[in-house]
């Protein structure tokens, strides 16, 4: 699960709560919950969606990027995870993001994409 800070940074993403989605409420990382009874109402203030890996990767694709996930290992020990994104299948101008979990790496990639989209 991504951190509350990352969830807050992704606050602008459209989210229609579905059963099984995770979210934070309030300002503490310990205030997390699972959507049990979704409704079509707007997400209240102070609720921060914590997207899963599949949701992060789908959002990356929706914004016109392709992605690849890689587990970084050394001497049979996992050293981290990487998500690479590119606008083309030739992987020109590929950008790589590394983190302790694939969710964090994908969230970093998505935040970079959102920033890039705002600069265009």
PDB file of N, CA and C in Angstrom:
ATOM      1  N   UNK A   1       0.851  -1.176   0.000  1.00  0.00           N
ATOM      2  CA  UNK A   1       0.000   0.000   0.000  1.00  0.00           C
ATOM      3  C   UNK A   1       0.897   1.239   0.000  1.00  0.00           C
ATOM      4  N   UNK A   2       0.537   2.224  -0.815  1.00  0.00           N
ATOM      5  CA  UNK A   2       1.328   3.451  -0.877  1.00  0.00           C
ATOM      6  C   UNK A   2       1.188   4.233   0.429  1.00  0.00           C
ATOM      7  N   UNK A   3       2.116   5.132   0.677  1.00  0.00           N
ATOM      8  CA  UNK A   3       2.098   5.932   1.909  1.00  0.00           C
ATOM      9  C   UNK A   3       0.988   6.973   1.867  1.00  0.00           C
ATOM     10  N   UNK A   4       0.638   7.490   3.032  1.00  0.00           N
ATOM     11  CA  UNK A   4      -0.385   8.536   3.099  1.00  0.00           C
ATOM     12  C   UNK A   4       0.088   9.795   2.376  1.00  0.00           C
ATOM     13  N   UNK A   5       1.394  10.082   2.426  1.00  0.00           N
ATOM     14  CA  UNK A   5       1.922  11.262   1.728  1.00  0.00           C
ATOM     15  C   UNK A   5       1.725  11.124   0.222  1.00  0.00           C
ATOM     16  N   UNK A   6       1.996   9.928  -0.298  1.00  0.00           N
ATOM     17  CA  UNK A   6       1.810   9.690  -1.728  1.00  0.00           C
ATOM     18  C   UNK A   6       0.329   9.733  -2.079  1.00  0.00           C
ATOM     19  N   UNK A   7      -0.507   9.144  -1.232  1.00  0.00           N
ATOM     20  CA  UNK A   7      -1.954   9.192  -1.470  1.00  0.00           C
ATOM     21  C   UNK A   7      -2.443  10.639  -1.514  1.00  0.00           C
ATOM     22  N   UNK A   8      -1.932  11.480  -0.631  1.00  0.00           N
ATOM     23  CA  UNK A   8      -2.315  12.899  -0.633  1.00  0.00           C
ATOM     24  C   UNK A   8      -1.859  13.581  -1.918  1.00  0.00           C
ATOM     25  N   UNK A   9      -0.644  13.231  -2.388  1.00  0.00           N
ATOM     26  CA  UNK A   9      -0.115  13.835  -3.613  1.00  0.00           C
ATOM     27  C   UNK A   9      -0.959  13.440  -4.832  1.00  0.00           C
ATOM     28  N   UNK A  10      -1.600  12.272  -4.776  1.00  0.00           N
ATOM     29  CA  UNK A  10      -2.433  11.791  -5.872  1.00  0.00           C
ATOM     30  C   UNK A  10      -3.896  12.205  -5.716  1.00  0.00           C
ATOM     31  N   UNK A  11      -4.185  13.082  -4.793  1.00  0.00           N
ATOM     32  CA  UNK A  11      -5.556  13.475  -4.433  1.00  0.00           C
ATOM     33  C   UNK A  11      -6.409  13.868  -5.635  1.00  0.00           C
ATOM     34  N   UNK A  12      -5.846  14.461  -6.665  1.00  0.00           N
ATOM     35  CA  UNK A  12      -6.639  14.944  -7.790  1.00  0.00           C
ATOM     36  C   UNK A  12      -7.171  13.875  -8.726  1.00  0.00           C
ATOM     37  N   UNK A  13      -6.749  12.627  -8.560  1.00  0.00           N
ATOM     38  CA  UNK A  13      -7.216  11.560  -9.454  1.00  0.00           C
ATOM     39  C   UNK A  13      -8.691  11.276  -9.228  1.00  0.00           C
ATOM     40  N   UNK A  14      -9.382  10.976 -10.328  1.00  0.00           N
ATOM     41  CA  UNK A  14     -10.792  10.604 -10.234  1.00  0.00           C
ATOM     42  C   UNK A  14     -10.888   9.230  -9.572  1.00  0.00           C
ATOM     43  N   UNK A  15     -11.773   9.096  -8.598  1.00  0.00           N
ATOM     44  CA  UNK A  15     -11.914   7.837  -7.887  1.00  0.00           C
ATOM     45  C   UNK A  15     -13.372   7.563  -7.618  1.00  0.00           C
ATOM     46  N   UNK A  16     -13.860   6.446  -8.092  1.00  0.00           N
ATOM     47  CA  UNK A  16     -15.195   5.962  -7.763  1.00  0.00           C
ATOM     48  C   UNK A  16     -14.976   4.743  -6.876  1.00  0.00           C
ATOM     49  N   UNK A  17     -15.196   4.890  -5.580  1.00  0.00           N
ATOM     50  CA  UNK A  17     -14.896   3.800  -4.636  1.00  0.00           C
ATOM     51  C   UNK A  17     -15.555   2.476  -5.026  1.00  0.00           C
ATOM     52  N   UNK A  18     -14.766   1.424  -4.956  1.00  0.00           N
ATOM     53  CA  UNK A  18     -15.243   0.066  -5.220  1.00  0.00           C
ATOM     54  C   UNK A  18     -14.873  -0.804  -4.029  1.00  0.00           C
ATOM     55  N   UNK A  19     -15.646  -1.828  -3.815  1.00  0.00           N
ATOM     56  CA  UNK A  19     -15.358  -2.742  -2.721  1.00  0.00           C
ATOM     57  C   UNK A  19     -13.927  -3.265  -2.849  1.00  0.00           C
ATOM     58  N   UNK A  20     -13.184  -3.212  -1.775  1.00  0.00           N
ATOM     59  CA  UNK A  20     -11.803  -3.698  -1.767  1.00  0.00           C
ATOM     60  C   UNK A  20     -10.762  -2.613  -1.955  1.00  0.00           C
ATOM     61  N   UNK A  21     -11.180  -1.396  -2.306  1.00  0.00           N
ATOM     62  CA  UNK A  21     -10.232  -0.281  -2.413  1.00  0.00           C
ATOM     63  C   UNK A  21      -9.792   0.151  -1.012  1.00  0.00           C
ATOM     64  N   UNK A  22      -8.561   0.607  -0.912  1.00  0.00           N
ATOM     65  CA  UNK A  22      -8.030   1.121   0.347  1.00  0.00           C
ATOM     66  C   UNK A  22      -8.009   2.636   0.317  1.00  0.00           C
ATOM     67  N   UNK A  23      -8.145   3.238   1.487  1.00  0.00           N
ATOM     68  CA  UNK A  23      -8.044   4.687   1.603  1.00  0.00           C
ATOM     69  C   UNK A  23      -7.577   5.066   3.001  1.00  0.00           C
ATOM     70  N   UNK A  24      -7.044   6.268   3.091  1.00  0.00           N
ATOM     71  CA  UNK A  24      -6.676   6.870   4.379  1.00  0.00           C
ATOM     72  C   UNK A  24      -7.735   7.905   4.716  1.00  0.00           C
ATOM     73  N   UNK A  25      -7.966   8.109   6.000  1.00  0.00           N
ATOM     74  CA  UNK A  25      -8.844   9.194   6.438  1.00  0.00           C
ATOM     75  C   UNK A  25      -8.127   9.957   7.535  1.00  0.00           C
ATOM     76  N   UNK A  26      -8.248  11.270   7.486  1.00  0.00           N
ATOM     77  CA  UNK A  26      -7.517  12.098   8.439  1.00  0.00           C
ATOM     78  C   UNK A  26      -6.073  12.262   8.006  1.00  0.00           C
ATOM     79  N   UNK A  27      -5.227  12.586   8.959  1.00  0.00           N
ATOM     80  CA  UNK A  27      -3.825  12.873   8.640  1.00  0.00           C
ATOM     81  C   UNK A  27      -2.837  11.842   9.162  1.00  0.00           C
ATOM     82  N   UNK A  28      -3.312  10.726   9.654  1.00  0.00           N
ATOM     83  CA  UNK A  28      -2.416   9.718  10.211  1.00  0.00           C
ATOM     84  C   UNK A  28      -2.361   8.488   9.308  1.00  0.00           C
ATOM     85  N   UNK A  29      -1.163   7.963   9.136  1.00  0.00           N
ATOM     86  CA  UNK A  29      -0.985   6.759   8.318  1.00  0.00           C
ATOM     87  C   UNK A  29      -1.690   5.559   8.944  1.00  0.00           C
ATOM     88  N   UNK A  30      -1.963   5.635  10.227  1.00  0.00           N
ATOM     89  CA  UNK A  30      -2.638   4.536  10.910  1.00  0.00           C
ATOM     90  C   UNK A  30      -4.147   4.543  10.665  1.00  0.00           C
ATOM     91  N   UNK A  31      -4.660   5.653  10.136  1.00  0.00           N
ATOM     92  CA  UNK A  31      -6.092   5.760   9.826  1.00  0.00           C
ATOM     93  C   UNK A  31      -6.338   5.285   8.406  1.00  0.00           C
ATOM     94  N   UNK A  32      -6.324   3.969   8.219  1.00  0.00           N
ATOM     95  CA  UNK A  32      -6.580   3.410   6.898  1.00  0.00           C
ATOM     96  C   UNK A  32      -7.756   2.457   6.995  1.00  0.00           C
ATOM     97  N   UNK A  33      -8.456   2.332   5.894  1.00  0.00           N
ATOM     98  CA  UNK A  33      -9.637   1.484   5.901  1.00  0.00           C
ATOM     99  C   UNK A  33      -9.869   0.919   4.512  1.00  0.00           C
ATOM    100  N   UNK A  34     -10.716  -0.076   4.480  1.00  0.00           N
ATOM    101  CA  UNK A  34     -11.080  -0.765   3.251  1.00  0.00           C
ATOM    102  C   UNK A  34     -12.513  -0.389   2.903  1.00  0.00           C
ATOM    103  N   UNK A  35     -12.777  -0.110   1.630  1.00  0.00           N
ATOM    104  CA  UNK A  35     -14.139   0.190   1.202  1.00  0.00           C
ATOM    105  C   UNK A  35     -14.948  -1.111   1.281  1.00  0.00           C
ATOM    106  N   UNK A  36     -16.017  -1.057   2.056  1.00  0.00           N
ATOM    107  CA  UNK A  36     -16.876  -2.223   2.219  1.00  0.00           C
ATOM    108  C   UNK A  36     -18.216  -2.002   1.526  1.00  0.00           C
ATOM    109  N   UNK A  37     -18.746  -0.792   1.627  1.00  0.00           N
ATOM    110  CA  UNK A  37     -20.039  -0.474   1.046  1.00  0.00           C
ATOM    111  C   UNK A  37     -19.892   0.762   0.165  1.00  0.00           C
ATOM    112  N   UNK A  38     -19.464   0.578  -1.093  1.00  0.00           N
ATOM    113  CA  UNK A  38     -19.227   1.737  -1.962  1.00  0.00           C
ATOM    114  C   UNK A  38     -20.519   2.464  -2.314  1.00  0.00           C
ATOM    115  N   UNK A  39     -20.384   3.767  -2.523  1.00  0.00           N
ATOM    116  CA  UNK A  39     -21.518   4.562  -2.988  1.00  0.00           C
ATOM    117  C   UNK A  39     -21.032   5.438  -4.127  1.00  0.00           C
ATOM    118  N   UNK A  40     -21.926   5.958  -4.896  1.00  0.00           N
ATOM    119  CA  UNK A  40     -21.571   6.798  -6.038  1.00  0.00           C
ATOM    120  C   UNK A  40     -21.392   8.264  -5.643  1.00  0.00           C
ATOM    121  N   UNK A  41     -21.481   8.578  -4.369  1.00  0.00           N
ATOM    122  CA  UNK A  41     -21.331   9.959  -3.920  1.00  0.00           C
ATOM    123  C   UNK A  41     -19.881  10.403  -4.075  1.00  0.00           C
ATOM    124  N   UNK A  42     -19.680  11.712  -4.005  1.00  0.00           N
ATOM    125  CA  UNK A  42     -18.322  12.250  -4.068  1.00  0.00           C
ATOM    126  C   UNK A  42     -17.528  11.809  -2.843  1.00  0.00           C
ATOM    127  N   UNK A  43     -16.228  11.703  -3.020  1.00  0.00           N
ATOM    128  CA  UNK A  43     -15.356  11.340  -1.913  1.00  0.00           C
ATOM    129  C   UNK A  43     -15.238  12.543  -0.987  1.00  0.00           C
ATOM    130  N   UNK A  44     -15.533  12.379   0.296  1.00  0.00           N
ATOM    131  CA  UNK A  44     -15.480  13.518   1.220  1.00  0.00           C
ATOM    132  C   UNK A  44     -14.066  14.052   1.420  1.00  0.00           C
ATOM    133  N   UNK A  45     -13.983  15.292   1.835  1.00  0.00           N
ATOM    134  CA  UNK A  45     -12.691  15.915   2.149  1.00  0.00           C
ATOM    135  C   UNK A  45     -12.025  15.116   3.273  1.00  0.00           C
ATOM    136  N   UNK A  46     -10.712  14.999   3.214  1.00  0.00           N
ATOM    137  CA  UNK A  46      -9.979  14.272   4.251  1.00  0.00           C
ATOM    138  C   UNK A  46      -9.879  12.779   3.991  1.00  0.00           C
ATOM    139  N   UNK A  47     -10.374  12.318   2.831  1.00  0.00           N
ATOM    140  CA  UNK A  47     -10.257  10.913   2.432  1.00  0.00           C
ATOM    141  C   UNK A  47      -9.254  10.859   1.283  1.00  0.00           C
ATOM    142  N   UNK A  48      -8.261   9.975   1.412  1.00  0.00           N
ATOM    143  CA  UNK A  48      -7.208   9.873   0.410  1.00  0.00           C
ATOM    144  C   UNK A  48      -7.151   8.441  -0.119  1.00  0.00           C
ATOM    145  N   UNK A  49      -7.518   8.269  -1.376  1.00  0.00           N
ATOM    146  CA  UNK A  49      -7.503   6.982  -2.059  1.00  0.00           C
ATOM    147  C   UNK A  49      -6.072   6.464  -2.118  1.00  0.00           C
ATOM    148  N   UNK A  50      -5.875   5.193  -1.820  1.00  0.00           N
ATOM    149  CA  UNK A  50      -4.564   4.548  -1.898  1.00  0.00           C
ATOM    150  C   UNK A  50      -4.643   3.462  -2.972  1.00  0.00           C
ATOM    151  N   UNK A  51      -4.433   3.853  -4.229  1.00  0.00           N
ATOM    152  CA  UNK A  51      -4.630   2.896  -5.328  1.00  0.00           C
ATOM    153  C   UNK A  51      -3.684   1.698  -5.257  1.00  0.00           C
ATOM    154  N   UNK A  52      -4.208   0.564  -5.731  1.00  0.00           N
ATOM    155  CA  UNK A  52      -3.404  -0.652  -5.843  1.00  0.00           C
ATOM    156  C   UNK A  52      -2.508  -0.529  -7.079  1.00  0.00           C
ATOM    157  N   UNK A  53      -1.596  -1.471  -7.238  1.00  0.00           N
ATOM    158  CA  UNK A  53      -0.683  -1.460  -8.382  1.00  0.00           C
ATOM    159  C   UNK A  53      -1.446  -1.475  -9.701  1.00  0.00           C
ATOM    160  N   UNK A  54      -2.448  -2.323  -9.834  1.00  0.00           N
ATOM    161  CA  UNK A  54      -3.192  -2.403 -11.098  1.00  0.00           C
ATOM    162  C   UNK A  54      -3.891  -1.084 -11.413  1.00  0.00           C
ATOM    163  N   UNK A  55      -4.378  -0.392 -10.389  1.00  0.00           N
ATOM    164  CA  UNK A  55      -5.046   0.890 -10.609  1.00  0.00           C
ATOM    165  C   UNK A  55      -4.045   1.971 -11.015  1.00  0.00           C
ATOM    166  N   UNK A  56      -2.864   1.958 -10.408  1.00  0.00           N
ATOM    167  CA  UNK A  56      -1.816   2.922 -10.775  1.00  0.00           C
ATOM    168  C   UNK A  56      -1.370   2.707 -12.221  1.00  0.00           C
ATOM    169  N   UNK A  57      -1.145   1.439 -12.591  1.00  0.00           N
ATOM    170  CA  UNK A  57      -0.691   1.141 -13.952  1.00  0.00           C
ATOM    171  C   UNK A  57      -1.770   1.483 -14.980  1.00  0.00           C
ATOM    172  N   UNK A  58      -3.031   1.258 -14.646  1.00  0.00           N
ATOM    173  CA  UNK A  58      -4.130   1.624 -15.554  1.00  0.00           C
ATOM    174  C   UNK A  58      -4.171   3.135 -15.760  1.00  0.00           C
ATOM    175  N   UNK A  59      -3.920   3.897 -14.709  1.00  0.00           N
ATOM    176  CA  UNK A  59      -3.911   5.363 -14.814  1.00  0.00           C
ATOM    177  C   UNK A  59      -2.735   5.832 -15.669  1.00  0.00           C
ATOM    178  N   UNK A  60      -1.593   5.160 -15.557  1.00  0.00           N
ATOM    179  CA  UNK A  60      -0.430   5.478 -16.395  1.00  0.00           C
ATOM    180  C   UNK A  60      -0.790   5.252 -17.867  1.00  0.00           C
ATOM    181  N   UNK A  61      -1.417   4.120 -18.164  1.00  0.00           N
ATOM    182  CA  UNK A  61      -1.835   3.822 -19.539  1.00  0.00           C
ATOM    183  C   UNK A  61      -2.847   4.848 -20.043  1.00  0.00           C
ATOM    184  N   UNK A  62      -3.794   5.212 -19.193  1.00  0.00           N
ATOM    185  CA  UNK A  62      -4.834   6.175 -19.560  1.00  0.00           C
ATOM    186  C   UNK A  62      -4.219   7.500 -20.004  1.00  0.00           C
ATOM    187  N   UNK A  63      -3.047   7.817 -19.494  1.00  0.00           N
ATOM    188  CA  UNK A  63      -2.374   9.069 -19.824  1.00  0.00           C
ATOM    189  C   UNK A  63      -1.408   8.930 -20.995  1.00  0.00           C
ATOM    190  N   UNK A  64      -1.485   7.788 -21.712  1.00  0.00           N
ATOM    191  CA  UNK A  64      -0.729   7.617 -22.949  1.00  0.00           C
ATOM    192  C   UNK A  64       0.667   7.050 -22.802  1.00  0.00           C
ATOM    193  N   UNK A  65       0.960   6.418 -21.683  1.00  0.00           N
ATOM    194  CA  UNK A  65       2.280   5.836 -21.460  1.00  0.00           C
ATOM    195  C   UNK A  65       2.185   4.317 -21.429  1.00  0.00           C
ATOM    196  N   UNK A  66       3.284   3.670 -21.792  1.00  0.00           N
ATOM    197  CA  UNK A  66       3.412   2.234 -21.587  1.00  0.00           C
ATOM    198  C   UNK A  66       4.303   2.050 -20.366  1.00  0.00           C
ATOM    199  N   UNK A  67       4.255   0.887 -19.748  1.00  0.00           N
ATOM    200  CA  UNK A  67       4.994   0.670 -18.514  1.00  0.00           C
ATOM    201  C   UNK A  67       5.604  -0.728 -18.497  1.00  0.00           C
ATOM    202  N   UNK A  68       6.610  -0.885 -17.651  1.00  0.00           N
ATOM    203  CA  UNK A  68       7.212  -2.188 -17.375  1.00  0.00           C
ATOM    204  C   UNK A  68       7.580  -2.208 -15.899  1.00  0.00           C
ATOM    205  N   UNK A  69       7.312  -3.325 -15.251  1.00  0.00           N
ATOM    206  CA  UNK A  69       7.642  -3.492 -13.833  1.00  0.00           C
ATOM    207  C   UNK A  69       8.781  -4.493 -13.740  1.00  0.00           C
ATOM    208  N   UNK A  70       9.769  -4.195 -12.912  1.00  0.00           N
ATOM    209  CA  UNK A  70      10.928  -5.068 -12.761  1.00  0.00           C
ATOM    210  C   UNK A  70      11.282  -5.185 -11.280  1.00  0.00           C
ATOM    211  N   UNK A  71      11.592  -6.384 -10.842  1.00  0.00           N
ATOM    212  CA  UNK A  71      12.085  -6.600  -9.485  1.00  0.00           C
ATOM    213  C   UNK A  71      13.601  -6.599  -9.567  1.00  0.00           C
ATOM    214  N   UNK A  72      14.233  -5.747  -8.777  1.00  0.00           N
ATOM    215  CA  UNK A  72      15.682  -5.624  -8.787  1.00  0.00           C
ATOM    216  C   UNK A  72      16.261  -6.560  -7.732  1.00  0.00           C
ATOM    217  N   UNK A  73      17.070  -7.508  -8.173  1.00  0.00           N
ATOM    218  CA  UNK A  73      17.624  -8.494  -7.250  1.00  0.00           C
ATOM    219  C   UNK A  73      19.136  -8.549  -7.385  1.00  0.00           C
ATOM    220  N   UNK A  74      19.789  -8.881  -6.270  1.00  0.00           N
ATOM    221  CA  UNK A  74      21.235  -9.052  -6.247  1.00  0.00           C
ATOM    222  C   UNK A  74      21.528 -10.202  -5.298  1.00  0.00           C
ATOM    223  N   UNK A  75      22.270 -11.207  -5.778  1.00  0.00           N
ATOM    224  CA  UNK A  75      22.563 -12.395  -4.978  1.00  0.00           C
ATOM    225  C   UNK A  75      21.296 -13.008  -4.382  1.00  0.00           C
ATOM    226  N   UNK A  76      20.283 -13.132  -5.215  1.00  0.00           N
ATOM    227  CA  UNK A  76      19.008 -13.752  -4.860  1.00  0.00           C
ATOM    228  C   UNK A  76      18.233 -12.997  -3.782  1.00  0.00           C
ATOM    229  N   UNK A  77      18.613 -11.762  -3.469  1.00  0.00           N
ATOM    230  CA  UNK A  77      17.864 -10.941  -2.518  1.00  0.00           C
ATOM    231  C   UNK A  77      17.223  -9.793  -3.270  1.00  0.00           C
ATOM    232  N   UNK A  78      15.964  -9.561  -2.987  1.00  0.00           N
ATOM    233  CA  UNK A  78      15.265  -8.452  -3.631  1.00  0.00           C
ATOM    234  C   UNK A  78      15.811  -7.145  -3.068  1.00  0.00           C
ATOM    235  N   UNK A  79      16.257  -6.282  -3.958  1.00  0.00           N
ATOM    236  CA  UNK A  79      16.846  -5.008  -3.574  1.00  0.00           C
ATOM    237  C   UNK A  79      15.895  -3.836  -3.818  1.00  0.00           C
ATOM    238  N   UNK A  80      14.774  -4.101  -4.416  1.00  0.00           N
ATOM    239  CA  UNK A  80      13.827  -3.031  -4.719  1.00  0.00           C
ATOM    240  C   UNK A  80      13.016  -3.371  -5.943  1.00  0.00           C
ATOM    241  N   UNK A  81      12.247  -2.410  -6.349  1.00  0.00           N
ATOM    242  CA  UNK A  81      11.374  -2.580  -7.500  1.00  0.00           C
ATOM    243  C   UNK A  81      11.520  -1.362  -8.392  1.00  0.00           C
ATOM    244  N   UNK A  82      11.296  -1.576  -9.681  1.00  0.00           N
ATOM    245  CA  UNK A  82      11.390  -0.462 -10.619  1.00  0.00           C
ATOM    246  C   UNK A  82      10.183  -0.491 -11.548  1.00  0.00           C
ATOM    247  N   UNK A  83       9.713   0.689 -11.873  1.00  0.00           N
ATOM    248  CA  UNK A  83       8.687   0.852 -12.899  1.00  0.00           C
ATOM    249  C   UNK A  83       9.267   1.818 -13.915  1.00  0.00           C
ATOM    250  N   UNK A  84       9.265   1.398 -15.171  1.00  0.00           N
ATOM    251  CA  UNK A  84       9.733   2.244 -16.260  1.00  0.00           C
ATOM    252  C   UNK A  84       8.531   2.659 -17.090  1.00  0.00           C
ATOM    253  N   UNK A  85       8.553   3.899 -17.553  1.00  0.00           N
ATOM    254  CA  UNK A  85       7.473   4.393 -18.406  1.00  0.00           C
ATOM    255  C   UNK A  85       8.066   5.036 -19.656  1.00  0.00           C
ATOM    256  N   UNK A  86       7.300   4.980 -20.728  1.00  0.00           N
ATOM    257  CA  UNK A  86       7.723   5.574 -21.987  1.00  0.00           C
ATOM    258  C   UNK A  86       6.479   5.894 -22.798  1.00  0.00           C
ATOM    259  N   UNK A  87       6.626   6.795 -23.752  1.00  0.00           N
ATOM    260  CA  UNK A  87       5.525   7.133 -24.657  1.00  0.00           C
ATOM    261  C   UNK A  87       5.538   6.240 -25.898  1.00  0.00           C
ATOM    262  N   UNK A  88       6.625   5.474 -26.110  1.00  0.00           N
ATOM    263  CA  UNK A  88       6.687   4.657 -27.326  1.00  0.00           C
ATOM    264  C   UNK A  88       7.228   3.267 -27.011  1.00  0.00           C
ATOM    265  N   UNK A  89       6.893   2.311 -27.887  1.00  0.00           N
ATOM    266  CA  UNK A  89       7.356   0.944 -27.706  1.00  0.00           C
ATOM    267  C   UNK A  89       8.843   0.788 -28.006  1.00  0.00           C
ATOM    268  N   UNK A  90       9.475   1.813 -28.557  1.00  0.00           N
ATOM    269  CA  UNK A  90      10.921   1.784 -28.758  1.00  0.00           C
ATOM    270  C   UNK A  90      11.638   2.139 -27.458  1.00  0.00           C
ATOM    271  N   UNK A  91      10.872   2.538 -26.453  1.00  0.00           N
ATOM    272  CA  UNK A  91      11.384   2.924 -25.140  1.00  0.00           C
ATOM    273  C   UNK A  91      12.370   4.076 -25.230  1.00  0.00           C
ATOM    274  N   UNK A  92      12.114   4.981 -26.209  1.00  0.00           N
ATOM    275  CA  UNK A  92      12.922   6.202 -26.301  1.00  0.00           C
ATOM    276  C   UNK A  92      12.553   7.088 -25.119  1.00  0.00           C
ATOM    277  N   UNK A  93      13.524   7.764 -24.578  1.00  0.00           N
ATOM    278  CA  UNK A  93      13.297   8.672 -23.446  1.00  0.00           C
ATOM    279  C   UNK A  93      12.598   7.975 -22.271  1.00  0.00           C
ATOM    280  N   UNK A  94      12.944   6.716 -22.071  1.00  0.00           N
ATOM    281  CA  UNK A  94      12.381   5.944 -20.966  1.00  0.00           C
ATOM    282  C   UNK A  94      12.765   6.590 -19.634  1.00  0.00           C
ATOM    283  N   UNK A  95      11.851   6.561 -18.695  1.00  0.00           N
ATOM    284  CA  UNK A  95      12.103   7.099 -17.361  1.00  0.00           C
ATOM    285  C   UNK A  95      11.865   5.963 -16.373  1.00  0.00           C
ATOM    286  N   UNK A  96      12.827   5.732 -15.462  1.00  0.00           N
ATOM    287  CA  UNK A  96      12.726   4.647 -14.494  1.00  0.00           C
ATOM    288  C   UNK A  96      12.547   5.201 -13.090  1.00  0.00           C
ATOM    289  N   UNK A  97      11.694   4.548 -12.314  1.00  0.00           N
ATOM    290  CA  UNK A  97      11.426   4.933 -10.934  1.00  0.00           C
ATOM    291  C   UNK A  97      11.644   3.715 -10.047  1.00  0.00           C
ATOM    292  N   UNK A  98      12.447   3.874  -8.989  1.00  0.00           N
ATOM    293  CA  UNK A  98      12.761   2.772  -8.088  1.00  0.00           C
ATOM    294  C   UNK A  98      12.208   3.046  -6.699  1.00  0.00           C
ATOM    295  N   UNK A  99      11.737   1.975  -6.062  1.00  0.00           N
ATOM    296  CA  UNK A  99      11.189   2.100  -4.714  1.00  0.00           C
ATOM    297  C   UNK A  99      11.211   0.726  -4.046  1.00  0.00           C
ATOM    298  N   UNK A 100      10.824   0.701  -2.776  1.00  0.00           N
ATOM    299  CA  UNK A 100      10.785  -0.554  -2.032  1.00  0.00           C
ATOM    300  C   UNK A 100       9.664  -1.482  -2.495  1.00  0.00           C
ATOM    301  N   UNK A 101       8.606  -0.914  -3.051  1.00  0.00           N
ATOM    302  CA  UNK A 101       7.493  -1.740  -3.524  1.00  0.00           C
ATOM    303  C   UNK A 101       7.129  -1.307  -4.944  1.00  0.00           C
ATOM    304  N   UNK A 102       6.543  -2.212  -5.718  1.00  0.00           N
ATOM    305  CA  UNK A 102       6.115  -1.818  -7.062  1.00  0.00           C
ATOM    306  C   UNK A 102       5.039  -0.731  -7.025  1.00  0.00           C
ATOM    307  N   UNK A 103       4.183  -0.741  -5.989  1.00  0.00           N
ATOM    308  CA  UNK A 103       3.158   0.297  -5.860  1.00  0.00           C
ATOM    309  C   UNK A 103       3.796   1.677  -5.695  1.00  0.00           C
ATOM    310  N   UNK A 104       4.820   1.771  -4.845  1.00  0.00           N
ATOM    311  CA  UNK A 104       5.490   3.056  -4.646  1.00  0.00           C
ATOM    312  C   UNK A 104       6.199   3.521  -5.918  1.00  0.00           C
ATOM    313  N   UNK A 105       6.838   2.586  -6.634  1.00  0.00           N
ATOM    314  CA  UNK A 105       7.520   2.948  -7.878  1.00  0.00           C
ATOM    315  C   UNK A 105       6.503   3.430  -8.920  1.00  0.00           C
ATOM    316  N   UNK A 106       5.369   2.733  -9.035  1.00  0.00           N
ATOM    317  CA  UNK A 106       4.331   3.138  -9.989  1.00  0.00           C
ATOM    318  C   UNK A 106       3.729   4.488  -9.597  1.00  0.00           C
ATOM    319  N   UNK A 107       3.543   4.711  -8.295  1.00  0.00           N
ATOM    320  CA  UNK A 107       3.004   6.000  -7.831  1.00  0.00           C
ATOM    321  C   UNK A 107       3.977   7.132  -8.157  1.00  0.00           C
ATOM    322  N   UNK A 108       5.283   6.896  -7.977  1.00  0.00           N
ATOM    323  CA  UNK A 108       6.280   7.908  -8.345  1.00  0.00           C
ATOM    324  C   UNK A 108       6.202   8.211  -9.835  1.00  0.00           C
ATOM    325  N   UNK A 109       6.075   7.159 -10.646  1.00  0.00           N
ATOM    326  CA  UNK A 109       5.974   7.343 -12.099  1.00  0.00           C
ATOM    327  C   UNK A 109       4.728   8.151 -12.455  1.00  0.00           C
ATOM    328  N   UNK A 110       3.612   7.830 -11.825  1.00  0.00           N
ATOM    329  CA  UNK A 110       2.371   8.552 -12.113  1.00  0.00           C
ATOM    330  C   UNK A 110       2.467  10.009 -11.681  1.00  0.00           C
ATOM    331  N   UNK A 111       3.057  10.275 -10.536  1.00  0.00           N
ATOM    332  CA  UNK A 111       3.232  11.668 -10.100  1.00  0.00           C
ATOM    333  C   UNK A 111       4.103  12.435 -11.085  1.00  0.00           C
ATOM    334  N   UNK A 112       5.154  11.789 -11.613  1.00  0.00           N
ATOM    335  CA  UNK A 112       6.018  12.426 -12.615  1.00  0.00           C
ATOM    336  C   UNK A 112       5.212  12.731 -13.878  1.00  0.00           C
ATOM    337  N   UNK A 113       4.388  11.770 -14.318  1.00  0.00           N
ATOM    338  CA  UNK A 113       3.559  11.962 -15.509  1.00  0.00           C
ATOM    339  C   UNK A 113       2.598  13.129 -15.308  1.00  0.00           C
ATOM    340  N   UNK A 114       1.960  13.192 -14.152  1.00  0.00           N
ATOM    341  CA  UNK A 114       1.030  14.286 -13.865  1.00  0.00           C
ATOM    342  C   UNK A 114       1.742  15.632 -13.918  1.00  0.00           C
ATOM    343  N   UNK A 115       2.946  15.689 -13.389  1.00  0.00           N
ATOM    344  CA  UNK A 115       3.746  16.908 -13.417  1.00  0.00           C
ATOM    345  C   UNK A 115       4.124  17.274 -14.855  1.00  0.00           C
ATOM    346  N   UNK A 116       4.539  16.265 -15.643  1.00  0.00           N
ATOM    347  CA  UNK A 116       4.891  16.483 -17.049  1.00  0.00           C
ATOM    348  C   UNK A 116       3.686  16.992 -17.842  1.00  0.00           C
ATOM    349  N   UNK A 117       2.527  16.398 -17.603  1.00  0.00           N
ATOM    350  CA  UNK A 117       1.308  16.787 -18.318  1.00  0.00           C
ATOM    351  C   UNK A 117       0.943  18.244 -17.998  1.00  0.00           C
ATOM    352  N   UNK A 118       1.214  18.684 -16.794  1.00  0.00           N
ATOM    353  CA  UNK A 118       0.904  20.066 -16.405  1.00  0.00           C
ATOM    354  C   UNK A 118       1.878  21.076 -17.003  1.00  0.00           C
ATOM    355  N   UNK A 119       3.060  20.605 -17.435  1.00  0.00           N
ATOM    356  CA  UNK A 119       4.062  21.491 -18.024  1.00  0.00           C
ATOM    357  C   UNK A 119       3.882  21.664 -19.520  1.00  0.00           C
ATOM    358  N   UNK A 120       3.073  20.794 -20.135  1.00  0.00           N
ATOM    359  CA  UNK A 120       2.893  20.872 -21.591  1.00  0.00           C
ATOM    360  C   UNK A 120       1.897  21.927 -21.970  1.00  0.00           C
TER     361      UNK A 120
END
